[in-house]
ModelCIF file with pLDDT and N, C-alpha, C, O atoms, coordinates in Angstrom:
data_MODEL
#
_entry.id   MODEL 
#
_entity.id                         1 
_entity.type                       polymer 
_entity.pdbx_number_of_molecules   1 
#
_entity_poly.entity_id                      1 
_entity_poly.type                           'polypeptide(L)' 
_entity_poly.nstd_linkage                   no 
_entity_poly.nstd_monomer                   no 
_entity_poly.pdbx_seq_one_letter_code       
;(UNK)(UNK)(UNK)(UNK)(UNK)(UNK)(UNK)(UNK)(UNK)(UNK)(UNK)(UNK)(UNK)(UNK)(UNK)(UNK)
(UNK)(UNK)(UNK)(UNK)(UNK)(UNK)(UNK)(UNK)(UNK)(UNK)(UNK)(UNK)(UNK)(UNK)(UNK)(UNK)
(UNK)(UNK)(UNK)(UNK)
;
_entity_poly.pdbx_seq_one_letter_code_can   XXXXXXXXXXXXXXXXXXXXXXXXXXXXXXXXXXXX 
_entity_poly.pdbx_strand_id                 A 
#
loop_
_entity_poly_seq.entity_id 
_entity_poly_seq.num 
_entity_poly_seq.mon_id 
_entity_poly_seq.hetero 
1 1  UNK n 
1 2  UNK n 
1 3  UNK n 
1 4  UNK n 
1 5  UNK n 
1 6  UNK n 
1 7  UNK n 
1 8  UNK n 
1 9  UNK n 
1 10 UNK n 
1 11 UNK n 
1 12 UNK n 
1 13 UNK n 
1 14 UNK n 
1 15 UNK n 
1 16 UNK n 
1 17 UNK n 
1 18 UNK n 
1 19 UNK n 
1 20 UNK n 
1 21 UNK n 
1 22 UNK n 
1 23 UNK n 
1 24 UNK n 
1 25 UNK n 
1 26 UNK n 
1 27 UNK n 
1 28 UNK n 
1 29 UNK n 
1 30 UNK n 
1 31 UNK n 
1 32 UNK n 
1 33 UNK n 
1 34 UNK n 
1 35 UNK n 
1 36 UNK n 
#
_struct_asym.id          A 
_struct_asym.entity_id   1 
#
loop_
_ma_qa_metric.id 
_ma_qa_metric.mode 
_ma_qa_metric.name 
_ma_qa_metric.software_group_id 
_ma_qa_metric.type 
1 global pLDDT . pLDDT 
2 local  pLDDT . pLDDT 
#
_ma_qa_metric_global.metric_id      1 
_ma_qa_metric_global.metric_value   64.06 
_ma_qa_metric_global.model_id       1 
_ma_qa_metric_global.ordinal_id     1 
#
loop_
_ma_qa_metric_local.label_asym_id 
_ma_qa_metric_local.label_comp_id 
_ma_qa_metric_local.label_seq_id 
_ma_qa_metric_local.metric_id 
_ma_qa_metric_local.metric_value 
_ma_qa_metric_local.model_id 
_ma_qa_metric_local.ordinal_id 
A UNK 1  2 37.00 1 1  
A UNK 2  2 38.00 1 2  
A UNK 3  2 43.00 1 3  
A UNK 4  2 43.00 1 4  
A UNK 5  2 39.00 1 5  
A UNK 6  2 43.00 1 6  
A UNK 7  2 45.00 1 7  
A UNK 8  2 42.00 1 8  
A UNK 9  2 42.00 1 9  
A UNK 10 2 43.00 1 10 
A UNK 11 2 44.00 1 11 
A UNK 12 2 39.00 1 12 
A UNK 13 2 38.00 1 13 
A UNK 14 2 42.00 1 14 
A UNK 15 2 41.00 1 15 
A UNK 16 2 35.00 1 16 
A UNK 17 2 42.00 1 17 
A UNK 18 2 50.00 1 18 
A UNK 19 2 57.00 1 19 
A UNK 20 2 57.00 1 20 
A UNK 21 2 62.00 1 21 
A UNK 22 2 60.00 1 22 
A UNK 23 2 77.00 1 23 
A UNK 24 2 89.00 1 24 
A UNK 25 2 94.00 1 25 
A UNK 26 2 96.00 1 26 
A UNK 27 2 96.00 1 27 
A UNK 28 2 97.00 1 28 
A UNK 29 2 97.00 1 29 
A UNK 30 2 97.00 1 30 
A UNK 31 2 94.00 1 31 
A UNK 32 2 96.00 1 32 
A UNK 33 2 98.00 1 33 
A UNK 34 2 98.00 1 34 
A UNK 35 2 98.00 1 35 
A UNK 36 2 97.00 1 36 
#
loop_
_atom_site.group_PDB 
_atom_site.id 
_atom_site.type_symbol 
_atom_site.label_atom_id 
_atom_site.label_alt_id 
_atom_site.label_comp_id 
_atom_site.label_asym_id 
_atom_site.label_entity_id 
_atom_site.label_seq_id 
_atom_site.pdbx_PDB_ins_code 
_atom_site.Cartn_x 
_atom_site.Cartn_y 
_atom_site.Cartn_z 
_atom_site.occupancy 
_atom_site.B_iso_or_equiv 
_atom_site.pdbx_formal_charge 
_atom_site.auth_seq_id 
_atom_site.auth_comp_id 
_atom_site.auth_asym_id 
_atom_site.auth_atom_id 
_atom_site.pdbx_PDB_model_num 
ATOM 1   N N  . UNK A 1 1  ? -66.993 148.135 -27.877 1.00 37.00 ? 1  UNK A N  1 
ATOM 2   C CA . UNK A 1 1  ? -65.811 148.449 -27.089 1.00 37.00 ? 1  UNK A CA 1 
ATOM 3   C C  . UNK A 1 1  ? -66.198 148.943 -25.708 1.00 37.00 ? 1  UNK A C  1 
ATOM 4   O O  . UNK A 1 1  ? -65.611 148.508 -24.717 1.00 37.00 ? 1  UNK A O  1 
ATOM 5   N N  . UNK A 1 2  ? -67.164 149.836 -25.616 1.00 38.00 ? 2  UNK A N  1 
ATOM 6   C CA . UNK A 1 2  ? -67.571 150.360 -24.323 1.00 38.00 ? 2  UNK A CA 1 
ATOM 7   C C  . UNK A 1 2  ? -68.199 149.274 -23.473 1.00 38.00 ? 2  UNK A C  1 
ATOM 8   O O  . UNK A 1 2  ? -68.024 149.263 -22.254 1.00 38.00 ? 2  UNK A O  1 
ATOM 9   N N  . UNK A 1 3  ? -68.924 148.365 -24.094 1.00 43.00 ? 3  UNK A N  1 
ATOM 10  C CA . UNK A 1 3  ? -69.518 147.262 -23.345 1.00 43.00 ? 3  UNK A CA 1 
ATOM 11  C C  . UNK A 1 3  ? -68.437 146.377 -22.765 1.00 43.00 ? 3  UNK A C  1 
ATOM 12  O O  . UNK A 1 3  ? -68.547 145.902 -21.635 1.00 43.00 ? 3  UNK A O  1 
ATOM 13  N N  . UNK A 1 4  ? -67.394 146.159 -23.543 1.00 43.00 ? 4  UNK A N  1 
ATOM 14  C CA . UNK A 1 4  ? -66.321 145.319 -23.050 1.00 43.00 ? 4  UNK A CA 1 
ATOM 15  C C  . UNK A 1 4  ? -65.632 145.925 -21.853 1.00 43.00 ? 4  UNK A C  1 
ATOM 16  O O  . UNK A 1 4  ? -65.298 145.223 -20.898 1.00 43.00 ? 4  UNK A O  1 
ATOM 17  N N  . UNK A 1 5  ? -65.416 147.226 -21.897 1.00 39.00 ? 5  UNK A N  1 
ATOM 18  C CA . UNK A 1 5  ? -64.811 147.906 -20.759 1.00 39.00 ? 5  UNK A CA 1 
ATOM 19  C C  . UNK A 1 5  ? -65.701 147.803 -19.538 1.00 39.00 ? 5  UNK A C  1 
ATOM 20  O O  . UNK A 1 5  ? -65.211 147.646 -18.420 1.00 39.00 ? 5  UNK A O  1 
ATOM 21  N N  . UNK A 1 6  ? -67.007 147.891 -19.745 1.00 43.00 ? 6  UNK A N  1 
ATOM 22  C CA . UNK A 1 6  ? -67.929 147.780 -18.628 1.00 43.00 ? 6  UNK A CA 1 
ATOM 23  C C  . UNK A 1 6  ? -67.930 146.377 -18.055 1.00 43.00 ? 6  UNK A C  1 
ATOM 24  O O  . UNK A 1 6  ? -68.027 146.209 -16.839 1.00 43.00 ? 6  UNK A O  1 
ATOM 25  N N  . UNK A 1 7  ? -67.823 145.359 -18.913 1.00 45.00 ? 7  UNK A N  1 
ATOM 26  C CA . UNK A 1 7  ? -67.757 143.982 -18.423 1.00 45.00 ? 7  UNK A CA 1 
ATOM 27  C C  . UNK A 1 7  ? -66.553 143.804 -17.530 1.00 45.00 ? 7  UNK A C  1 
ATOM 28  O O  . UNK A 1 7  ? -66.654 143.235 -16.444 1.00 45.00 ? 7  UNK A O  1 
ATOM 29  N N  . UNK A 1 8  ? -65.412 144.288 -17.986 1.00 42.00 ? 8  UNK A N  1 
ATOM 30  C CA . UNK A 1 8  ? -64.189 144.113 -17.217 1.00 42.00 ? 8  UNK A CA 1 
ATOM 31  C C  . UNK A 1 8  ? -64.261 144.840 -15.890 1.00 42.00 ? 8  UNK A C  1 
ATOM 32  O O  . UNK A 1 8  ? -63.776 144.341 -14.874 1.00 42.00 ? 8  UNK A O  1 
ATOM 33  N N  . UNK A 1 9  ? -64.867 146.022 -15.896 1.00 42.00 ? 9  UNK A N  1 
ATOM 34  C CA . UNK A 1 9  ? -64.925 146.827 -14.678 1.00 42.00 ? 9  UNK A CA 1 
ATOM 35  C C  . UNK A 1 9  ? -65.996 146.347 -13.719 1.00 42.00 ? 9  UNK A C  1 
ATOM 36  O O  . UNK A 1 9  ? -65.818 146.432 -12.504 1.00 42.00 ? 9  UNK A O  1 
ATOM 37  N N  . UNK A 1 10 ? -67.105 145.845 -14.241 1.00 43.00 ? 10 UNK A N  1 
ATOM 38  C CA . UNK A 1 10 ? -68.234 145.506 -13.400 1.00 43.00 ? 10 UNK A CA 1 
ATOM 39  C C  . UNK A 1 10 ? -68.225 144.058 -12.962 1.00 43.00 ? 10 UNK A C  1 
ATOM 40  O O  . UNK A 1 10 ? -68.619 143.747 -11.838 1.00 43.00 ? 10 UNK A O  1 
ATOM 41  N N  . UNK A 1 11 ? -67.781 143.169 -13.834 1.00 44.00 ? 11 UNK A N  1 
ATOM 42  C CA . UNK A 1 11 ? -67.850 141.740 -13.538 1.00 44.00 ? 11 UNK A CA 1 
ATOM 43  C C  . UNK A 1 11 ? -66.544 141.053 -13.912 1.00 44.00 ? 11 UNK A C  1 
ATOM 44  O O  . UNK A 1 11 ? -66.500 140.331 -14.908 1.00 44.00 ? 11 UNK A O  1 
ATOM 45  N N  . UNK A 1 12 ? -65.473 141.261 -13.134 1.00 39.00 ? 12 UNK A N  1 
ATOM 46  C CA . UNK A 1 12 ? -64.180 140.704 -13.498 1.00 39.00 ? 12 UNK A CA 1 
ATOM 47  C C  . UNK A 1 12 ? -64.174 139.197 -13.592 1.00 39.00 ? 12 UNK A C  1 
ATOM 48  O O  . UNK A 1 12 ? -63.508 138.644 -14.468 1.00 39.00 ? 12 UNK A O  1 
ATOM 49  N N  . UNK A 1 13 ? -64.892 138.511 -12.721 1.00 38.00 ? 13 UNK A N  1 
ATOM 50  C CA . UNK A 1 13 ? -64.906 137.051 -12.763 1.00 38.00 ? 13 UNK A CA 1 
ATOM 51  C C  . UNK A 1 13 ? -65.578 136.566 -14.038 1.00 38.00 ? 13 UNK A C  1 
ATOM 52  O O  . UNK A 1 13 ? -65.107 135.626 -14.678 1.00 38.00 ? 13 UNK A O  1 
ATOM 53  N N  . UNK A 1 14 ? -66.656 137.196 -14.394 1.00 42.00 ? 14 UNK A N  1 
ATOM 54  C CA . UNK A 1 14 ? -67.402 136.814 -15.587 1.00 42.00 ? 14 UNK A CA 1 
ATOM 55  C C  . UNK A 1 14 ? -66.601 137.129 -16.833 1.00 42.00 ? 14 UNK A C  1 
ATOM 56  O O  . UNK A 1 14 ? -66.625 136.365 -17.799 1.00 42.00 ? 14 UNK A O  1 
ATOM 57  N N  . UNK A 1 15 ? -65.892 138.245 -16.820 1.00 41.00 ? 15 UNK A N  1 
ATOM 58  C CA . UNK A 1 15 ? -65.156 138.644 -18.008 1.00 41.00 ? 15 UNK A CA 1 
ATOM 59  C C  . UNK A 1 15 ? -64.080 137.649 -18.373 1.00 41.00 ? 15 UNK A C  1 
ATOM 60  O O  . UNK A 1 15 ? -63.712 137.538 -19.543 1.00 41.00 ? 15 UNK A O  1 
ATOM 61  N N  . UNK A 1 16 ? -63.567 136.923 -17.396 1.00 35.00 ? 16 UNK A N  1 
ATOM 62  C CA . UNK A 1 16 ? -62.499 135.975 -17.657 1.00 35.00 ? 16 UNK A CA 1 
ATOM 63  C C  . UNK A 1 16 ? -63.026 134.659 -18.188 1.00 35.00 ? 16 UNK A C  1 
ATOM 64  O O  . UNK A 1 16 ? -62.247 133.848 -18.689 1.00 35.00 ? 16 UNK A O  1 
ATOM 65  N N  . UNK A 1 17 ? -64.313 134.423 -18.097 1.00 42.00 ? 17 UNK A N  1 
ATOM 66  C CA . UNK A 1 17 ? -64.884 133.156 -18.519 1.00 42.00 ? 17 UNK A CA 1 
ATOM 67  C C  . UNK A 1 17 ? -66.223 133.407 -19.188 1.00 42.00 ? 17 UNK A C  1 
ATOM 68  O O  . UNK A 1 17 ? -67.061 134.127 -18.644 1.00 42.00 ? 17 UNK A O  1 
ATOM 69  N N  . UNK A 1 18 ? -66.436 132.826 -20.356 1.00 50.00 ? 18 UNK A N  1 
ATOM 70  C CA . UNK A 1 18 ? -67.660 133.066 -21.087 1.00 50.00 ? 18 UNK A CA 1 
ATOM 71  C C  . UNK A 1 18 ? -68.878 132.568 -20.324 1.00 50.00 ? 18 UNK A C  1 
ATOM 72  O O  . UNK A 1 18 ? -68.853 131.491 -19.729 1.00 50.00 ? 18 UNK A O  1 
ATOM 73  N N  . UNK A 1 19 ? -69.939 133.359 -20.346 1.00 57.00 ? 19 UNK A N  1 
ATOM 74  C CA . UNK A 1 19 ? -71.210 132.924 -19.786 1.00 57.00 ? 19 UNK A CA 1 
ATOM 75  C C  . UNK A 1 19 ? -71.955 132.133 -20.856 1.00 57.00 ? 19 UNK A C  1 
ATOM 76  O O  . UNK A 1 19 ? -71.574 132.172 -22.026 1.00 57.00 ? 19 UNK A O  1 
ATOM 77  N N  . UNK A 1 20 ? -73.009 131.418 -20.476 1.00 57.00 ? 20 UNK A N  1 
ATOM 78  C CA . UNK A 1 20 ? -73.777 130.665 -21.476 1.00 57.00 ? 20 UNK A CA 1 
ATOM 79  C C  . UNK A 1 20 ? -74.329 131.602 -22.542 1.00 57.00 ? 20 UNK A C  1 
ATOM 80  O O  . UNK A 1 20 ? -74.776 132.705 -22.229 1.00 57.00 ? 20 UNK A O  1 
ATOM 81  N N  . UNK A 1 21 ? -74.300 131.178 -23.778 1.00 62.00 ? 21 UNK A N  1 
ATOM 82  C CA . UNK A 1 21 ? -74.769 132.016 -24.862 1.00 62.00 ? 21 UNK A CA 1 
ATOM 83  C C  . UNK A 1 21 ? -76.159 131.599 -25.308 1.00 62.00 ? 21 UNK A C  1 
ATOM 84  O O  . UNK A 1 21 ? -76.697 130.590 -24.852 1.00 62.00 ? 21 UNK A O  1 
ATOM 85  N N  . UNK A 1 22 ? -76.732 132.389 -26.206 1.00 60.00 ? 22 UNK A N  1 
ATOM 86  C CA . UNK A 1 22 ? -78.040 132.076 -26.753 1.00 60.00 ? 22 UNK A CA 1 
ATOM 87  C C  . UNK A 1 22 ? -78.006 130.727 -27.468 1.00 60.00 ? 22 UNK A C  1 
ATOM 88  O O  . UNK A 1 22 ? -77.039 130.389 -28.150 1.00 60.00 ? 22 UNK A O  1 
ATOM 89  N N  . UNK A 1 23 ? -79.062 129.984 -27.299 1.00 77.00 ? 23 UNK A N  1 
ATOM 90  C CA . UNK A 1 23 ? -79.161 128.698 -27.974 1.00 77.00 ? 23 UNK A CA 1 
ATOM 91  C C  . UNK A 1 23 ? -79.643 128.898 -29.402 1.00 77.00 ? 23 UNK A C  1 
ATOM 92  O O  . UNK A 1 23 ? -80.619 129.607 -29.646 1.00 77.00 ? 23 UNK A O  1 
ATOM 93  N N  . UNK A 1 24 ? -78.954 128.272 -30.333 1.00 89.00 ? 24 UNK A N  1 
ATOM 94  C CA . UNK A 1 24 ? -79.334 128.392 -31.729 1.00 89.00 ? 24 UNK A CA 1 
ATOM 95  C C  . UNK A 1 24 ? -79.057 127.087 -32.463 1.00 89.00 ? 24 UNK A C  1 
ATOM 96  O O  . UNK A 1 24 ? -78.326 126.223 -31.980 1.00 89.00 ? 24 UNK A O  1 
ATOM 97  N N  . UNK A 1 25 ? -79.660 126.969 -33.639 1.00 94.00 ? 25 UNK A N  1 
ATOM 98  C CA . UNK A 1 25 ? -79.443 125.829 -34.515 1.00 94.00 ? 25 UNK A CA 1 
ATOM 99  C C  . UNK A 1 25 ? -78.851 126.328 -35.823 1.00 94.00 ? 25 UNK A C  1 
ATOM 100 O O  . UNK A 1 25 ? -79.362 127.280 -36.413 1.00 94.00 ? 25 UNK A O  1 
ATOM 101 N N  . UNK A 1 26 ? -77.789 125.699 -36.275 1.00 96.00 ? 26 UNK A N  1 
ATOM 102 C CA . UNK A 1 26 ? -77.196 126.070 -37.556 1.00 96.00 ? 26 UNK A CA 1 
ATOM 103 C C  . UNK A 1 26 ? -78.028 125.439 -38.668 1.00 96.00 ? 26 UNK A C  1 
ATOM 104 O O  . UNK A 1 26 ? -78.131 124.216 -38.765 1.00 96.00 ? 26 UNK A O  1 
ATOM 105 N N  . UNK A 1 27 ? -78.619 126.287 -39.501 1.00 96.00 ? 27 UNK A N  1 
ATOM 106 C CA . UNK A 1 27 ? -79.466 125.823 -40.598 1.00 96.00 ? 27 UNK A CA 1 
ATOM 107 C C  . UNK A 1 27 ? -78.628 125.415 -41.798 1.00 96.00 ? 27 UNK A C  1 
ATOM 108 O O  . UNK A 1 27 ? -78.869 124.379 -42.419 1.00 96.00 ? 27 UNK A O  1 
ATOM 109 N N  . UNK A 1 28 ? -77.639 126.247 -42.116 1.00 97.00 ? 28 UNK A N  1 
ATOM 110 C CA . UNK A 1 28 ? -76.774 125.945 -43.250 1.00 97.00 ? 28 UNK A CA 1 
ATOM 111 C C  . UNK A 1 28 ? -75.445 126.647 -43.101 1.00 97.00 ? 28 UNK A C  1 
ATOM 112 O O  . UNK A 1 28 ? -75.375 127.784 -42.634 1.00 97.00 ? 28 UNK A O  1 
ATOM 113 N N  . UNK A 1 29 ? -74.398 125.965 -43.500 1.00 97.00 ? 29 UNK A N  1 
ATOM 114 C CA . UNK A 1 29 ? -73.061 126.525 -43.444 1.00 97.00 ? 29 UNK A CA 1 
ATOM 115 C C  . UNK A 1 29 ? -72.621 126.926 -44.849 1.00 97.00 ? 29 UNK A C  1 
ATOM 116 O O  . UNK A 1 29 ? -72.618 126.103 -45.766 1.00 97.00 ? 29 UNK A O  1 
ATOM 117 N N  . UNK A 1 30 ? -72.251 128.188 -45.010 1.00 97.00 ? 30 UNK A N  1 
ATOM 118 C CA . UNK A 1 30 ? -71.715 128.670 -46.274 1.00 97.00 ? 30 UNK A CA 1 
ATOM 119 C C  . UNK A 1 30 ? -70.212 128.867 -46.117 1.00 97.00 ? 30 UNK A C  1 
ATOM 120 O O  . UNK A 1 30 ? -69.660 128.662 -45.037 1.00 97.00 ? 30 UNK A O  1 
ATOM 121 N N  . UNK A 1 31 ? -69.568 129.258 -47.185 1.00 94.00 ? 31 UNK A N  1 
ATOM 122 C CA . UNK A 1 31 ? -68.115 129.395 -47.148 1.00 94.00 ? 31 UNK A CA 1 
ATOM 123 C C  . UNK A 1 31 ? -67.660 130.438 -46.138 1.00 94.00 ? 31 UNK A C  1 
ATOM 124 O O  . UNK A 1 31 ? -66.712 130.201 -45.389 1.00 94.00 ? 31 UNK A O  1 
ATOM 125 N N  . UNK A 1 32 ? -68.320 131.581 -46.108 1.00 96.00 ? 32 UNK A N  1 
ATOM 126 C CA . UNK A 1 32 ? -67.858 132.673 -45.257 1.00 96.00 ? 32 UNK A CA 1 
ATOM 127 C C  . UNK A 1 32 ? -68.775 132.969 -44.076 1.00 96.00 ? 32 UNK A C  1 
ATOM 128 O O  . UNK A 1 32 ? -68.429 133.782 -43.219 1.00 96.00 ? 32 UNK A O  1 
ATOM 129 N N  . UNK A 1 33 ? -69.933 132.325 -44.018 1.00 98.00 ? 33 UNK A N  1 
ATOM 130 C CA . UNK A 1 33 ? -70.875 132.603 -42.936 1.00 98.00 ? 33 UNK A CA 1 
ATOM 131 C C  . UNK A 1 33 ? -71.799 131.404 -42.742 1.00 98.00 ? 33 UNK A C  1 
ATOM 132 O O  . UNK A 1 33 ? -71.756 130.442 -43.508 1.00 98.00 ? 33 UNK A O  1 
ATOM 133 N N  . UNK A 1 34 ? -72.628 131.478 -41.714 1.00 98.00 ? 34 UNK A N  1 
ATOM 134 C CA . UNK A 1 34 ? -73.626 130.439 -41.487 1.00 98.00 ? 34 UNK A CA 1 
ATOM 135 C C  . UNK A 1 34 ? -74.970 131.076 -41.182 1.00 98.00 ? 34 UNK A C  1 
ATOM 136 O O  . UNK A 1 34 ? -75.040 132.222 -40.738 1.00 98.00 ? 34 UNK A O  1 
ATOM 137 N N  . UNK A 1 35 ? -76.022 130.332 -41.422 1.00 98.00 ? 35 UNK A N  1 
ATOM 138 C CA . UNK A 1 35 ? -77.374 130.780 -41.111 1.00 98.00 ? 35 UNK A CA 1 
ATOM 139 C C  . UNK A 1 35 ? -77.828 130.045 -39.858 1.00 98.00 ? 35 UNK A C  1 
ATOM 140 O O  . UNK A 1 35 ? -77.752 128.819 -39.778 1.00 98.00 ? 35 UNK A O  1 
ATOM 141 N N  . UNK A 1 36 ? -78.298 130.812 -38.888 1.00 97.00 ? 36 UNK A N  1 
ATOM 142 C CA . UNK A 1 36 ? -78.727 130.244 -37.607 1.00 97.00 ? 36 UNK A CA 1 
ATOM 143 C C  . UNK A 1 36 ? -80.190 130.570 -37.333 1.00 97.00 ? 36 UNK A C  1 
ATOM 144 O O  . UNK A 1 36 ? -80.728 130.173 -36.299 1.00 97.00 ? 36 UNK A O  1 
#
């Protein structure tokens, strides 16, 4: 929650649009979760 408030206050343009995320590979998909 505190990080989110800091994002909004510090980087308003970025907060409105997702930045690139970590690259990962999905190894297996389960009913309620996935392994990456």
